[in-house]
Amino acid sequence: MGAKGVLNIVWVNVSNIPLDKRCEKNIAYVGSLVGVTLDIDKSTVNGPESVRIKLGCRDAEDIPAKAEGVLGDHFYDFFYSVDKILVKNTPKEKVSVP
């Protein structure tokens, strides 16, 4: 009762996290820029291209392609692409009241 919606859950690939700054804390922070970090695919942490993160968000189809954040003393642009949607809200009908 009182809930505003269901948490959408998606796997997202995130690129442009510097290799020397990749640790669970920083990866979770980068995920938190666009949602709630629920899990990290540890097999991708040291990969050259991207890290795979399971995110909770309001709308699985509305995750931005880019977000800015700070790691250490530098600003970075992080790039997000949805890999797989696990849980998605069903759209509600809009009702107009005259």
N, C-alpha and C. Protein backbone atom coordinates (compact mmCIF):
# COMPACT_ATOMS: atom_id res chain seq x y z
N MET A 1 0.84 -1.17 0.00
CA MET A 1 0.00 0.00 0.00
C MET A 1 0.88 1.23 0.00
N GLY A 2 0.56 2.16 -0.85
CA GLY A 2 1.31 3.39 -0.93
C GLY A 2 2.49 3.34 -1.89
N ALA A 3 2.79 2.17 -2.47
CA ALA A 3 3.90 2.08 -3.41
C ALA A 3 3.55 2.82 -4.69
N LYS A 4 4.55 3.45 -5.29
CA LYS A 4 4.34 4.21 -6.51
C LYS A 4 4.60 3.39 -7.77
N GLY A 5 5.22 2.24 -7.61
CA GLY A 5 5.51 1.42 -8.78
C GLY A 5 6.44 0.28 -8.43
N VAL A 6 6.69 -0.55 -9.43
CA VAL A 6 7.57 -1.70 -9.28
C VAL A 6 8.98 -1.30 -9.71
N LEU A 7 9.98 -1.76 -8.98
CA LEU A 7 11.36 -1.51 -9.34
C LEU A 7 11.70 -2.29 -10.60
N ASN A 8 12.08 -1.59 -11.66
CA ASN A 8 12.54 -2.25 -12.87
C ASN A 8 13.96 -2.73 -12.63
N ILE A 9 14.31 -3.89 -13.15
CA ILE A 9 15.65 -4.45 -12.97
C ILE A 9 16.23 -4.77 -14.33
N VAL A 10 17.44 -4.26 -14.57
CA VAL A 10 18.10 -4.44 -15.86
C VAL A 10 19.59 -4.72 -15.67
N TRP A 11 20.15 -5.47 -16.62
CA TRP A 11 21.61 -5.58 -16.72
C TRP A 11 22.06 -4.51 -17.70
N VAL A 12 23.07 -3.74 -17.30
CA VAL A 12 23.57 -2.63 -18.10
C VAL A 12 25.08 -2.78 -18.28
N ASN A 13 25.55 -2.52 -19.49
CA ASN A 13 26.99 -2.44 -19.74
C ASN A 13 27.41 -0.99 -19.59
N VAL A 14 28.47 -0.76 -18.80
CA VAL A 14 28.95 0.59 -18.56
C VAL A 14 30.40 0.68 -19.04
N SER A 15 30.64 1.66 -19.90
CA SER A 15 32.00 1.83 -20.41
C SER A 15 32.58 3.16 -19.94
N ASN A 16 33.88 3.28 -20.11
CA ASN A 16 34.68 4.46 -19.76
C ASN A 16 34.98 4.56 -18.27
N ILE A 17 34.91 3.44 -17.55
CA ILE A 17 35.41 3.42 -16.17
C ILE A 17 36.90 3.07 -16.27
N PRO A 18 37.79 3.98 -15.84
CA PRO A 18 39.23 3.70 -15.97
C PRO A 18 39.62 2.40 -15.26
N LEU A 19 40.49 1.62 -15.90
CA LEU A 19 40.91 0.34 -15.33
C LEU A 19 41.53 0.50 -13.95
N ASP A 20 42.29 1.58 -13.74
CA ASP A 20 42.95 1.76 -12.44
C ASP A 20 42.00 2.23 -11.35
N LYS A 21 40.74 2.51 -11.71
CA LYS A 21 39.74 2.94 -10.72
C LYS A 21 38.63 1.92 -10.55
N ARG A 22 38.76 0.75 -11.17
CA ARG A 22 37.71 -0.26 -11.11
C ARG A 22 37.82 -1.09 -9.84
N CYS A 23 36.93 -0.81 -8.92
CA CYS A 23 36.76 -1.61 -7.71
C CYS A 23 35.25 -1.62 -7.46
N GLU A 24 34.78 -2.50 -6.61
CA GLU A 24 33.33 -2.63 -6.40
C GLU A 24 32.72 -1.31 -5.93
N LYS A 25 33.40 -0.59 -5.07
CA LYS A 25 32.87 0.68 -4.56
C LYS A 25 32.66 1.68 -5.70
N ASN A 26 33.66 1.85 -6.56
CA ASN A 26 33.55 2.80 -7.66
C ASN A 26 32.53 2.35 -8.71
N ILE A 27 32.48 1.06 -8.98
CA ILE A 27 31.52 0.54 -9.95
C ILE A 27 30.09 0.75 -9.43
N ALA A 28 29.88 0.49 -8.14
CA ALA A 28 28.56 0.72 -7.54
C ALA A 28 28.19 2.19 -7.62
N TYR A 29 29.16 3.08 -7.41
CA TYR A 29 28.91 4.52 -7.53
C TYR A 29 28.48 4.88 -8.94
N VAL A 30 29.19 4.36 -9.95
CA VAL A 30 28.86 4.67 -11.34
C VAL A 30 27.45 4.17 -11.67
N GLY A 31 27.07 3.01 -11.15
CA GLY A 31 25.69 2.53 -11.34
C GLY A 31 24.68 3.43 -10.67
N SER A 32 25.04 3.96 -9.50
CA SER A 32 24.10 4.80 -8.74
C SER A 32 23.82 6.13 -9.41
N LEU A 33 24.61 6.49 -10.41
CA LEU A 33 24.35 7.74 -11.12
C LEU A 33 23.06 7.66 -11.94
N VAL A 34 22.63 6.44 -12.28
CA VAL A 34 21.42 6.28 -13.10
C VAL A 34 20.38 5.34 -12.47
N GLY A 35 20.69 4.75 -11.32
CA GLY A 35 19.76 3.83 -10.68
C GLY A 35 20.31 3.35 -9.36
N VAL A 36 19.90 2.16 -8.95
CA VAL A 36 20.37 1.54 -7.72
C VAL A 36 21.18 0.30 -8.12
N THR A 37 22.46 0.27 -7.75
CA THR A 37 23.29 -0.88 -8.09
C THR A 37 22.88 -2.06 -7.22
N LEU A 38 22.45 -3.14 -7.87
CA LEU A 38 22.02 -4.35 -7.17
C LEU A 38 23.08 -5.44 -7.19
N ASP A 39 23.86 -5.50 -8.27
CA ASP A 39 24.87 -6.55 -8.40
C ASP A 39 25.89 -6.11 -9.45
N ILE A 40 27.07 -6.68 -9.38
CA ILE A 40 28.13 -6.43 -10.35
C ILE A 40 28.59 -7.77 -10.90
N ASP A 41 28.67 -7.88 -12.21
CA ASP A 41 29.19 -9.10 -12.84
C ASP A 41 30.70 -9.07 -12.67
N LYS A 42 31.20 -9.79 -11.68
CA LYS A 42 32.61 -9.73 -11.33
C LYS A 42 33.53 -10.21 -12.45
N SER A 43 33.01 -11.02 -13.35
CA SER A 43 33.84 -11.49 -14.47
C SER A 43 34.15 -10.38 -15.46
N THR A 44 33.46 -9.24 -15.37
CA THR A 44 33.69 -8.14 -16.30
C THR A 44 34.48 -6.98 -15.69
N VAL A 45 34.79 -7.07 -14.41
CA VAL A 45 35.43 -5.94 -13.71
C VAL A 45 36.78 -5.58 -14.34
N ASN A 46 37.56 -6.55 -14.74
CA ASN A 46 38.88 -6.27 -15.30
C ASN A 46 38.92 -6.36 -16.82
N GLY A 47 37.75 -6.43 -17.44
CA GLY A 47 37.69 -6.47 -18.89
C GLY A 47 38.05 -5.13 -19.50
N PRO A 48 38.53 -5.11 -20.73
CA PRO A 48 38.99 -3.86 -21.32
C PRO A 48 37.87 -2.92 -21.77
N GLU A 49 36.72 -3.45 -22.12
CA GLU A 49 35.68 -2.61 -22.71
C GLU A 49 34.69 -2.03 -21.71
N SER A 50 33.95 -2.90 -21.01
CA SER A 50 32.88 -2.41 -20.15
C SER A 50 32.70 -3.32 -18.95
N VAL A 51 31.95 -2.79 -17.98
CA VAL A 51 31.58 -3.54 -16.78
C VAL A 51 30.07 -3.76 -16.84
N ARG A 52 29.62 -4.94 -16.43
CA ARG A 52 28.20 -5.27 -16.45
C ARG A 52 27.64 -5.11 -15.04
N ILE A 53 26.59 -4.31 -14.91
CA ILE A 53 25.99 -4.00 -13.61
C ILE A 53 24.49 -4.30 -13.67
N LYS A 54 23.97 -4.93 -12.61
CA LYS A 54 22.52 -5.10 -12.48
C LYS A 54 22.00 -3.89 -11.73
N LEU A 55 21.07 -3.18 -12.37
CA LEU A 55 20.53 -1.94 -11.79
C LEU A 55 19.05 -2.06 -11.51
N GLY A 56 18.61 -1.40 -10.46
CA GLY A 56 17.20 -1.15 -10.21
C GLY A 56 16.92 0.28 -10.62
N CYS A 57 15.81 0.50 -11.30
CA CYS A 57 15.49 1.85 -11.77
C CYS A 57 13.98 2.02 -11.87
N ARG A 58 13.56 3.25 -12.10
CA ARG A 58 12.13 3.55 -12.22
C ARG A 58 11.57 3.06 -13.56
N ASP A 59 12.33 3.27 -14.65
CA ASP A 59 11.86 2.89 -15.98
C ASP A 59 13.02 2.28 -16.76
N ALA A 60 12.91 1.00 -17.08
CA ALA A 60 13.99 0.28 -17.76
C ALA A 60 14.31 0.86 -19.12
N GLU A 61 13.36 1.52 -19.73
CA GLU A 61 13.59 2.07 -21.07
C GLU A 61 14.03 3.53 -21.04
N ASP A 62 14.25 4.06 -19.86
CA ASP A 62 14.59 5.47 -19.73
C ASP A 62 15.97 5.68 -19.09
N ILE A 63 16.85 4.69 -19.17
CA ILE A 63 18.19 4.83 -18.63
C ILE A 63 18.99 5.70 -19.61
N PRO A 64 19.63 6.76 -19.12
CA PRO A 64 20.36 7.64 -20.03
C PRO A 64 21.56 6.93 -20.65
N ALA A 65 21.94 7.37 -21.83
CA ALA A 65 23.10 6.79 -22.52
C ALA A 65 24.41 7.26 -21.90
N LYS A 66 24.36 8.39 -21.18
CA LYS A 66 25.58 8.96 -20.62
C LYS A 66 25.27 9.68 -19.31
N ALA A 67 26.20 9.58 -18.37
CA ALA A 67 26.10 10.34 -17.12
C ALA A 67 27.51 10.77 -16.70
N GLU A 68 27.58 11.93 -16.08
CA GLU A 68 28.86 12.45 -15.61
C GLU A 68 29.04 12.14 -14.14
N GLY A 69 30.26 11.79 -13.76
CA GLY A 69 30.55 11.53 -12.36
C GLY A 69 32.01 11.81 -12.06
N VAL A 70 32.37 11.74 -10.79
CA VAL A 70 33.74 12.02 -10.34
C VAL A 70 34.32 10.76 -9.72
N LEU A 71 35.52 10.40 -10.17
CA LEU A 71 36.31 9.35 -9.52
C LEU A 71 37.65 9.97 -9.17
N GLY A 72 37.98 9.97 -7.90
CA GLY A 72 39.21 10.63 -7.47
C GLY A 72 39.08 12.12 -7.66
N ASP A 73 40.01 12.71 -8.39
CA ASP A 73 40.01 14.16 -8.63
C ASP A 73 39.60 14.53 -10.05
N HIS A 74 38.99 13.59 -10.77
CA HIS A 74 38.68 13.85 -12.17
C HIS A 74 37.22 13.56 -12.50
N PHE A 75 36.68 14.35 -13.42
CA PHE A 75 35.34 14.11 -13.96
C PHE A 75 35.44 13.15 -15.13
N TYR A 76 34.44 12.29 -15.25
CA TYR A 76 34.37 11.33 -16.36
C TYR A 76 32.95 11.28 -16.89
N ASP A 77 32.82 10.98 -18.16
CA ASP A 77 31.53 10.61 -18.74
C ASP A 77 31.47 9.10 -18.79
N PHE A 78 30.42 8.53 -18.23
CA PHE A 78 30.21 7.08 -18.26
C PHE A 78 29.09 6.78 -19.23
N PHE A 79 29.25 5.72 -20.01
CA PHE A 79 28.29 5.40 -21.06
C PHE A 79 27.57 4.10 -20.72
N TYR A 80 26.25 4.12 -20.83
CA TYR A 80 25.39 3.01 -20.42
C TYR A 80 24.64 2.45 -21.62
N SER A 81 24.57 1.12 -21.69
CA SER A 81 23.72 0.47 -22.69
C SER A 81 23.03 -0.72 -22.02
N VAL A 82 21.73 -0.80 -22.21
CA VAL A 82 20.94 -1.87 -21.59
C VAL A 82 21.26 -3.18 -22.29
N ASP A 83 21.62 -4.18 -21.50
CA ASP A 83 21.94 -5.50 -22.03
C ASP A 83 20.70 -6.40 -22.00
N LYS A 84 20.02 -6.42 -20.84
CA LYS A 84 18.86 -7.29 -20.69
C LYS A 84 17.92 -6.73 -19.63
N ILE A 85 16.65 -6.65 -19.96
CA ILE A 85 15.63 -6.21 -18.99
C ILE A 85 15.08 -7.44 -18.28
N LEU A 86 15.18 -7.46 -16.96
CA LEU A 86 14.70 -8.60 -16.17
C LEU A 86 13.29 -8.37 -15.64
N VAL A 87 13.02 -7.15 -15.15
CA VAL A 87 11.70 -6.79 -14.61
C VAL A 87 11.34 -5.43 -15.17
N LYS A 88 10.14 -5.34 -15.73
CA LYS A 88 9.70 -4.08 -16.32
C LYS A 88 8.26 -3.81 -15.92
N ASN A 89 7.99 -2.55 -15.57
CA ASN A 89 6.61 -2.14 -15.28
C ASN A 89 5.77 -2.30 -16.53
N THR A 90 4.53 -2.69 -16.33
CA THR A 90 3.59 -2.64 -17.45
C THR A 90 3.05 -1.22 -17.50
N PRO A 91 2.97 -0.65 -18.69
CA PRO A 91 2.51 0.74 -18.76
C PRO A 91 1.08 0.88 -18.26
N LYS A 92 0.84 1.95 -17.53
CA LYS A 92 -0.50 2.23 -17.03
C LYS A 92 -1.22 3.11 -18.03
N GLU A 93 -2.49 2.89 -18.13
CA GLU A 93 -3.29 3.74 -19.02
C GLU A 93 -3.41 5.11 -18.41
N LYS A 94 -3.27 6.12 -19.26
CA LYS A 94 -3.45 7.49 -18.79
C LYS A 94 -4.93 7.83 -18.88
N VAL A 95 -5.44 8.34 -17.80
CA VAL A 95 -6.85 8.71 -17.75
C VAL A 95 -6.93 10.22 -17.65
N SER A 96 -7.66 10.82 -18.58
CA SER A 96 -7.80 12.27 -18.50
C SER A 96 -9.14 12.59 -17.83
N VAL A 97 -9.08 13.54 -16.96
CA VAL A 97 -10.28 13.97 -16.23
C VAL A 97 -10.65 15.34 -16.77
N PRO A 98 -11.90 15.47 -17.27
CA PRO A 98 -12.34 16.77 -17.83
C PRO A 98 -12.49 17.82 -16.74
